[in-house]
Amino acid sequence: MPSPEEVKQNVIAVGRAYIRLIESADTLLERQPALLERLILRVVRSLYTYQLRRLVAELPPEITAEILAASEKIAAPAKGFSQN
């Protein structure tokens, strides 16, 4: 059974991965890919945006802040997300 700290770190890692996927999809979409790739990237971005919103809605603000800080370290704050 994982400890509460291990669970917390796992949730943060998953949230940060969602952010990286969203930002990567945005970057690739800016390059105006072919139609099929564009459609797939939009689905991926929508899916992980939804997942990230669900995740941060259920978490305490301090954990949400740690997740969203990943975006600030990569490029800029995650678009469309605010802390609880």
C-alpha atoms as a PDB file:
ATOM      1  CA  MET A   1       0.000   0.000   0.000  1.00  0.00           C
ATOM      2  CA  PRO A   2       1.531   3.358  -1.021  1.00  0.00           C
ATOM      3  CA  SER A   3       2.030   6.014   1.612  1.00  0.00           C
ATOM      4  CA  PRO A   4       0.047   9.278   1.445  1.00  0.00           C
ATOM      5  CA  GLU A   5       3.211  11.060   0.287  1.00  0.00           C
ATOM      6  CA  GLU A   6       3.693   8.540  -2.539  1.00  0.00           C
ATOM      7  CA  VAL A   7       0.083   9.016  -3.613  1.00  0.00           C
ATOM      8  CA  LYS A   8       0.533  12.803  -3.550  1.00  0.00           C
ATOM      9  CA  GLN A   9       3.711  12.606  -5.656  1.00  0.00           C
ATOM     10  CA  ASN A  10       1.995  10.287  -8.134  1.00  0.00           C
ATOM     11  CA  VAL A  11      -0.961  12.661  -8.513  1.00  0.00           C
ATOM     12  CA  ILE A  12       1.422  15.580  -9.065  1.00  0.00           C
ATOM     13  CA  ALA A  13       3.404  13.602 -11.655  1.00  0.00           C
ATOM     14  CA  VAL A  14       0.227  12.679 -13.533  1.00  0.00           C
ATOM     15  CA  GLY A  15      -1.028  16.282 -13.476  1.00  0.00           C
ATOM     16  CA  ARG A  16       2.299  17.558 -14.770  1.00  0.00           C
ATOM     17  CA  ALA A  17       2.262  14.949 -17.533  1.00  0.00           C
ATOM     18  CA  TYR A  18      -1.204  16.172 -18.558  1.00  0.00           C
ATOM     19  CA  ILE A  19       0.160  19.719 -18.766  1.00  0.00           C
ATOM     20  CA  ARG A  20       3.109  18.624 -20.900  1.00  0.00           C
ATOM     21  CA  LEU A  21       0.762  16.750 -23.255  1.00  0.00           C
ATOM     22  CA  ILE A  22      -1.541  19.759 -23.602  1.00  0.00           C
ATOM     23  CA  GLU A  23       1.318  22.155 -24.236  1.00  0.00           C
ATOM     24  CA  SER A  24       2.964  19.770 -26.692  1.00  0.00           C
ATOM     25  CA  ALA A  25      -0.280  19.411 -28.632  1.00  0.00           C
ATOM     26  CA  ASP A  26      -0.613  23.218 -28.731  1.00  0.00           C
ATOM     27  CA  THR A  27       2.944  23.569 -30.025  1.00  0.00           C
ATOM     28  CA  LEU A  28       2.400  20.984 -32.734  1.00  0.00           C
ATOM     29  CA  LEU A  29      -0.929  22.526 -33.762  1.00  0.00           C
ATOM     30  CA  GLU A  30       0.787  25.887 -34.238  1.00  0.00           C
ATOM     31  CA  ARG A  31       2.885  24.254 -36.966  1.00  0.00           C
ATOM     32  CA  GLN A  32      -0.300  23.558 -38.964  1.00  0.00           C
ATOM     33  CA  PRO A  33       0.036  19.800 -39.428  1.00  0.00           C
ATOM     34  CA  ALA A  34      -1.844  17.710 -41.968  1.00  0.00           C
ATOM     35  CA  LEU A  35      -5.579  17.233 -41.426  1.00  0.00           C
ATOM     36  CA  LEU A  36      -5.455  13.812 -39.746  1.00  0.00           C
ATOM     37  CA  GLU A  37      -2.641  14.819 -37.398  1.00  0.00           C
ATOM     38  CA  ARG A  38      -4.485  18.048 -36.565  1.00  0.00           C
ATOM     39  CA  LEU A  39      -7.627  16.095 -35.674  1.00  0.00           C
ATOM     40  CA  ILE A  40      -5.698  13.649 -33.492  1.00  0.00           C
ATOM     41  CA  LEU A  41      -3.866  16.469 -31.710  1.00  0.00           C
ATOM     42  CA  ARG A  42      -7.139  18.265 -31.014  1.00  0.00           C
ATOM     43  CA  VAL A  43      -8.639  15.096 -29.539  1.00  0.00           C
ATOM     44  CA  VAL A  44      -5.533  14.544 -27.390  1.00  0.00           C
ATOM     45  CA  ARG A  45      -5.574  18.157 -26.213  1.00  0.00           C
ATOM     46  CA  SER A  46      -9.281  18.003 -25.397  1.00  0.00           C
ATOM     47  CA  LEU A  47      -8.959  14.699 -23.549  1.00  0.00           C
ATOM     48  CA  TYR A  48      -6.085  15.803 -21.343  1.00  0.00           C
ATOM     49  CA  THR A  49      -7.549  19.251 -20.752  1.00  0.00           C
ATOM     50  CA  TYR A  50     -10.672  17.510 -19.476  1.00  0.00           C
ATOM     51  CA  GLN A  51      -8.609  15.118 -17.340  1.00  0.00           C
ATOM     52  CA  LEU A  52      -6.547  17.967 -15.884  1.00  0.00           C
ATOM     53  CA  ARG A  53      -9.657  20.002 -15.053  1.00  0.00           C
ATOM     54  CA  ARG A  54     -11.194  16.996 -13.282  1.00  0.00           C
ATOM     55  CA  LEU A  55      -7.999  16.346 -11.381  1.00  0.00           C
ATOM     56  CA  VAL A  56      -7.451  19.892 -10.118  1.00  0.00           C
ATOM     57  CA  ALA A  57     -11.118  20.293  -9.199  1.00  0.00           C
ATOM     58  CA  GLU A  58     -10.757  17.467  -6.667  1.00  0.00           C
ATOM     59  CA  LEU A  59      -7.437  18.475  -5.143  1.00  0.00           C
ATOM     60  CA  PRO A  60      -6.501  20.873  -2.365  1.00  0.00           C
ATOM     61  CA  PRO A  61      -5.068  24.200  -3.584  1.00  0.00           C
ATOM     62  CA  GLU A  62      -1.500  23.419  -2.478  1.00  0.00           C
ATOM     63  CA  ILE A  63      -1.346  20.287  -4.637  1.00  0.00           C
ATOM     64  CA  THR A  64      -3.011  22.073  -7.550  1.00  0.00           C
ATOM     65  CA  ALA A  65      -0.367  24.794  -7.279  1.00  0.00           C
ATOM     66  CA  GLU A  66       2.416  22.198  -7.473  1.00  0.00           C
ATOM     67  CA  ILE A  67       0.861  20.693 -10.600  1.00  0.00           C
ATOM     68  CA  LEU A  68       0.297  24.003 -12.360  1.00  0.00           C
ATOM     69  CA  ALA A  69       3.816  25.143 -11.481  1.00  0.00           C
ATOM     70  CA  ALA A  70       5.060  22.561 -13.982  1.00  0.00           C
ATOM     71  CA  SER A  71       3.695  24.690 -16.777  1.00  0.00           C
ATOM     72  CA  GLU A  72       5.534  27.766 -15.505  1.00  0.00           C
ATOM     73  CA  LYS A  73       8.775  25.791 -15.501  1.00  0.00           C
ATOM     74  CA  ILE A  74       8.235  24.575 -19.073  1.00  0.00           C
ATOM     75  CA  ALA A  75       7.034  27.738 -20.796  1.00  0.00           C
ATOM     76  CA  ALA A  76       4.162  29.792 -19.450  1.00  0.00           C
ATOM     77  CA  PRO A  77       1.233  29.191 -17.100  1.00  0.00           C
ATOM     78  CA  ALA A  78      -1.224  26.546 -18.264  1.00  0.00           C
ATOM     79  CA  LYS A  79      -3.920  28.161 -20.345  1.00  0.00           C
ATOM     80  CA  GLY A  80      -7.407  28.254 -18.922  1.00  0.00           C
ATOM     81  CA  PHE A  81      -6.605  26.938 -15.464  1.00  0.00           C
ATOM     82  CA  SER A  82      -6.786  28.666 -12.158  1.00  0.00           C
ATOM     83  CA  GLN A  83      -6.071  27.428  -8.696  1.00  0.00           C
ATOM     84  CA  ASN A  84      -8.952  26.104  -6.567  1.00  0.00           C
END
